[in-house]
Amino acid sequence: MVQRSLVTVLAALGGILVILGGILGFLLSFGPRVGPRFDGSINAAVFGVLAIIFGLVILVYSGFTHLRGAERNLTGGVVLVVLGVVTWIVVGGWVLVAVGSFLAVVAGLVLLAQLLLDNPRVSGTQPV
């Protein structure tokens, strides 16, 4: 049970950092520049919105992995790893986003390791 709370805290912290990184990166992109460069602001706005969306999804999955049973947590662990990697690749240029997505990947790996070590017969699907 301690590992589940660790996974929840790591994933929630990662999601919060991704959201904060998206907001700060978006706001700091409107700083003073030399010459007119509107395309950089548009790119930063798009990346900021994507980071906020990814952060919210990571937060939602951190709650789901804490509340679900062991059979469904395996899927939640894989989803956390995939979300963290995709976030890192797409909008990982900002430091807070990169750290948050790394924490989401670590949380997913800890959850997968915990489930596979505790119950090696856990499968990704439920019996019919």
C-alpha atoms as a PDB file:
ATOM      1  CA  MET A   1       0.000   0.000   0.000  1.00  0.00           C
ATOM      2  CA  VAL A   2       2.935   2.321   0.636  1.00  0.00           C
ATOM      3  CA  GLN A   3       4.025   1.891  -2.980  1.00  0.00           C
ATOM      4  CA  ARG A   4       0.567   2.904  -4.220  1.00  0.00           C
ATOM      5  CA  SER A   5       0.683   6.126  -2.259  1.00  0.00           C
ATOM      6  CA  LEU A   6       4.228   6.714  -3.529  1.00  0.00           C
ATOM      7  CA  VAL A   7       3.022   6.197  -7.092  1.00  0.00           C
ATOM      8  CA  THR A   8       0.095   8.545  -6.543  1.00  0.00           C
ATOM      9  CA  VAL A   9       2.311  11.249  -5.035  1.00  0.00           C
ATOM     10  CA  LEU A  10       4.948  10.934  -7.780  1.00  0.00           C
ATOM     11  CA  ALA A  11       2.374  11.021 -10.576  1.00  0.00           C
ATOM     12  CA  ALA A  12       0.409  13.885  -9.015  1.00  0.00           C
ATOM     13  CA  LEU A  13       3.585  15.896  -8.439  1.00  0.00           C
ATOM     14  CA  GLY A  14       4.632  15.176 -12.014  1.00  0.00           C
ATOM     15  CA  GLY A  15       1.262  16.339 -13.348  1.00  0.00           C
ATOM     16  CA  ILE A  16       1.392  19.515 -11.264  1.00  0.00           C
ATOM     17  CA  LEU A  17       4.925  20.275 -12.477  1.00  0.00           C
ATOM     18  CA  VAL A  18       3.875  19.730 -16.096  1.00  0.00           C
ATOM     19  CA  ILE A  19       0.947  22.123 -15.647  1.00  0.00           C
ATOM     20  CA  LEU A  20       3.120  24.744 -13.922  1.00  0.00           C
ATOM     21  CA  GLY A  21       5.788  24.363 -16.596  1.00  0.00           C
ATOM     22  CA  GLY A  22       3.206  24.870 -19.316  1.00  0.00           C
ATOM     23  CA  ILE A  23       1.801  27.984 -17.652  1.00  0.00           C
ATOM     24  CA  LEU A  24       5.226  29.499 -16.917  1.00  0.00           C
ATOM     25  CA  GLY A  25       6.609  28.653 -20.348  1.00  0.00           C
ATOM     26  CA  PHE A  26       3.586  30.229 -21.965  1.00  0.00           C
ATOM     27  CA  LEU A  27       3.795  33.387 -19.872  1.00  0.00           C
ATOM     28  CA  LEU A  28       7.567  33.797 -20.170  1.00  0.00           C
ATOM     29  CA  SER A  29       7.423  33.469 -23.956  1.00  0.00           C
ATOM     30  CA  PHE A  30       5.792  36.883 -24.138  1.00  0.00           C
ATOM     31  CA  GLY A  31       8.882  38.609 -22.760  1.00  0.00           C
ATOM     32  CA  PRO A  32      10.838  41.295 -24.649  1.00  0.00           C
ATOM     33  CA  ARG A  33      12.456  40.197 -27.885  1.00  0.00           C
ATOM     34  CA  VAL A  34      14.691  41.792 -30.434  1.00  0.00           C
ATOM     35  CA  GLY A  35      12.582  42.417 -33.523  1.00  0.00           C
ATOM     36  CA  PRO A  36       9.053  41.289 -34.321  1.00  0.00           C
ATOM     37  CA  ARG A  37       8.654  37.536 -33.759  1.00  0.00           C
ATOM     38  CA  PHE A  38       5.019  36.551 -33.475  1.00  0.00           C
ATOM     39  CA  ASP A  39       5.534  32.922 -34.524  1.00  0.00           C
ATOM     40  CA  GLY A  40       7.500  32.139 -31.345  1.00  0.00           C
ATOM     41  CA  SER A  41       4.604  33.306 -29.209  1.00  0.00           C
ATOM     42  CA  ILE A  42       2.160  31.140 -31.131  1.00  0.00           C
ATOM     43  CA  ASN A  43       4.398  28.089 -30.751  1.00  0.00           C
ATOM     44  CA  ALA A  44       4.794  28.760 -27.039  1.00  0.00           C
ATOM     45  CA  ALA A  45       1.030  29.137 -26.658  1.00  0.00           C
ATOM     46  CA  VAL A  46       0.426  25.800 -28.397  1.00  0.00           C
ATOM     47  CA  PHE A  47       3.109  24.045 -26.348  1.00  0.00           C
ATOM     48  CA  GLY A  48       1.767  25.631 -23.167  1.00  0.00           C
ATOM     49  CA  VAL A  49      -1.769  24.401 -23.856  1.00  0.00           C
ATOM     50  CA  LEU A  50      -0.467  20.923 -24.729  1.00  0.00           C
ATOM     51  CA  ALA A  51       1.565  20.811 -21.524  1.00  0.00           C
ATOM     52  CA  ILE A  52      -1.468  21.808 -19.469  1.00  0.00           C
ATOM     53  CA  ILE A  53      -3.607  19.141 -21.145  1.00  0.00           C
ATOM     54  CA  PHE A  54      -0.955  16.443 -20.635  1.00  0.00           C
ATOM     55  CA  GLY A  55      -0.527  17.536 -17.012  1.00  0.00           C
ATOM     56  CA  LEU A  56      -4.255  17.269 -16.364  1.00  0.00           C
ATOM     57  CA  VAL A  57      -4.389  13.801 -17.908  1.00  0.00           C
ATOM     58  CA  ILE A  58      -1.439  12.694 -15.763  1.00  0.00           C
ATOM     59  CA  LEU A  59      -3.226  14.037 -12.676  1.00  0.00           C
ATOM     60  CA  VAL A  60      -6.400  12.145 -13.567  1.00  0.00           C
ATOM     61  CA  TYR A  61      -4.505   8.893 -14.081  1.00  0.00           C
ATOM     62  CA  SER A  62      -2.646   9.344 -10.808  1.00  0.00           C
ATOM     63  CA  GLY A  63      -6.014   9.275  -9.063  1.00  0.00           C
ATOM     64  CA  PHE A  64      -7.242   6.304 -11.088  1.00  0.00           C
ATOM     65  CA  THR A  65      -4.194   4.207 -10.290  1.00  0.00           C
ATOM     66  CA  HIS A  66      -4.751   4.790  -6.585  1.00  0.00           C
ATOM     67  CA  LEU A  67      -8.421   3.753  -6.641  1.00  0.00           C
ATOM     68  CA  ARG A  68      -8.438   0.784  -9.023  1.00  0.00           C
ATOM     69  CA  GLY A  69      -7.797  -2.885  -8.357  1.00  0.00           C
ATOM     70  CA  ALA A  70      -4.557  -4.679  -9.210  1.00  0.00           C
ATOM     71  CA  GLU A  71      -5.772  -5.981 -12.567  1.00  0.00           C
ATOM     72  CA  ARG A  72      -6.529  -2.498 -13.831  1.00  0.00           C
ATOM     73  CA  ASN A  73      -3.489  -0.864 -12.221  1.00  0.00           C
ATOM     74  CA  LEU A  74      -1.236  -2.647 -14.676  1.00  0.00           C
ATOM     75  CA  THR A  75      -2.888  -0.699 -17.459  1.00  0.00           C
ATOM     76  CA  GLY A  76      -2.651   2.495 -15.397  1.00  0.00           C
ATOM     77  CA  GLY A  77       1.092   1.971 -14.973  1.00  0.00           C
ATOM     78  CA  VAL A  78       1.574   1.532 -18.702  1.00  0.00           C
ATOM     79  CA  VAL A  79      -0.556   4.618 -19.374  1.00  0.00           C
ATOM     80  CA  LEU A  80       1.529   6.686 -16.943  1.00  0.00           C
ATOM     81  CA  VAL A  81       4.750   5.590 -18.638  1.00  0.00           C
ATOM     82  CA  VAL A  82       3.385   6.345 -22.107  1.00  0.00           C
ATOM     83  CA  LEU A  83       1.964   9.717 -21.023  1.00  0.00           C
ATOM     84  CA  GLY A  84       5.257  10.678 -19.418  1.00  0.00           C
ATOM     85  CA  VAL A  85       7.280   9.720 -22.487  1.00  0.00           C
ATOM     86  CA  VAL A  86       4.903  11.448 -24.910  1.00  0.00           C
ATOM     87  CA  THR A  87       4.862  14.584 -22.758  1.00  0.00           C
ATOM     88  CA  TRP A  88       8.635  14.541 -22.572  1.00  0.00           C
ATOM     89  CA  ILE A  89       8.982  14.203 -26.349  1.00  0.00           C
ATOM     90  CA  VAL A  90       6.297  16.702 -27.346  1.00  0.00           C
ATOM     91  CA  VAL A  91       6.735  19.533 -24.812  1.00  0.00           C
ATOM     92  CA  GLY A  92       9.776  18.525 -22.776  1.00  0.00           C
ATOM     93  CA  GLY A  93      11.813  21.560 -23.786  1.00  0.00           C
ATOM     94  CA  TRP A  94      10.855  23.403 -20.611  1.00  0.00           C
ATOM     95  CA  VAL A  95      12.560  22.295 -17.413  1.00  0.00           C
ATOM     96  CA  LEU A  96       9.478  21.907 -15.224  1.00  0.00           C
ATOM     97  CA  VAL A  97       7.676  19.931 -17.929  1.00  0.00           C
ATOM     98  CA  ALA A  98      10.670  17.638 -18.377  1.00  0.00           C
ATOM     99  CA  VAL A  99      10.968  16.993 -14.630  1.00  0.00           C
ATOM    100  CA  GLY A 100       7.219  16.407 -14.294  1.00  0.00           C
ATOM    101  CA  SER A 101       7.097  13.992 -17.194  1.00  0.00           C
ATOM    102  CA  PHE A 102      10.128  12.163 -15.789  1.00  0.00           C
ATOM    103  CA  LEU A 103       8.296  11.788 -12.460  1.00  0.00           C
ATOM    104  CA  ALA A 104       5.261  10.401 -14.302  1.00  0.00           C
ATOM    105  CA  VAL A 105       7.466   7.805 -16.023  1.00  0.00           C
ATOM    106  CA  VAL A 106       9.068   6.862 -12.697  1.00  0.00           C
ATOM    107  CA  ALA A 107       5.630   6.553 -11.079  1.00  0.00           C
ATOM    108  CA  GLY A 108       4.443   4.257 -13.869  1.00  0.00           C
ATOM    109  CA  LEU A 109       7.563   2.102 -13.631  1.00  0.00           C
ATOM    110  CA  VAL A 110       7.259   1.841  -9.835  1.00  0.00           C
ATOM    111  CA  LEU A 111       3.622   0.801 -10.183  1.00  0.00           C
ATOM    112  CA  LEU A 112       4.458  -1.812 -12.818  1.00  0.00           C
ATOM    113  CA  ALA A 113       7.351  -3.165 -10.764  1.00  0.00           C
ATOM    114  CA  GLN A 114       5.214  -3.346  -7.647  1.00  0.00           C
ATOM    115  CA  LEU A 115       2.413  -5.197  -9.413  1.00  0.00           C
ATOM    116  CA  LEU A 116       4.667  -7.625 -11.225  1.00  0.00           C
ATOM    117  CA  LEU A 117       6.738  -8.412  -8.128  1.00  0.00           C
ATOM    118  CA  ASP A 118       3.743  -8.798  -5.800  1.00  0.00           C
ATOM    119  CA  ASN A 119       1.570 -10.798  -8.178  1.00  0.00           C
ATOM    120  CA  PRO A 120       3.390 -12.255 -11.202  1.00  0.00           C
ATOM    121  CA  ARG A 121       0.145 -13.681 -12.612  1.00  0.00           C
ATOM    122  CA  VAL A 122      -1.554 -10.301 -13.087  1.00  0.00           C
ATOM    123  CA  SER A 123      -2.701  -9.845 -16.668  1.00  0.00           C
ATOM    124  CA  GLY A 124      -3.749  -6.721 -18.491  1.00  0.00           C
ATOM    125  CA  THR A 125      -7.250  -8.030 -19.205  1.00  0.00           C
ATOM    126  CA  GLN A 126     -10.047  -9.071 -16.919  1.00  0.00           C
ATOM    127  CA  PRO A 127     -11.513 -12.576 -17.120  1.00  0.00           C
ATOM    128  CA  VAL A 128     -14.811 -12.854 -18.944  1.00  0.00           C
END
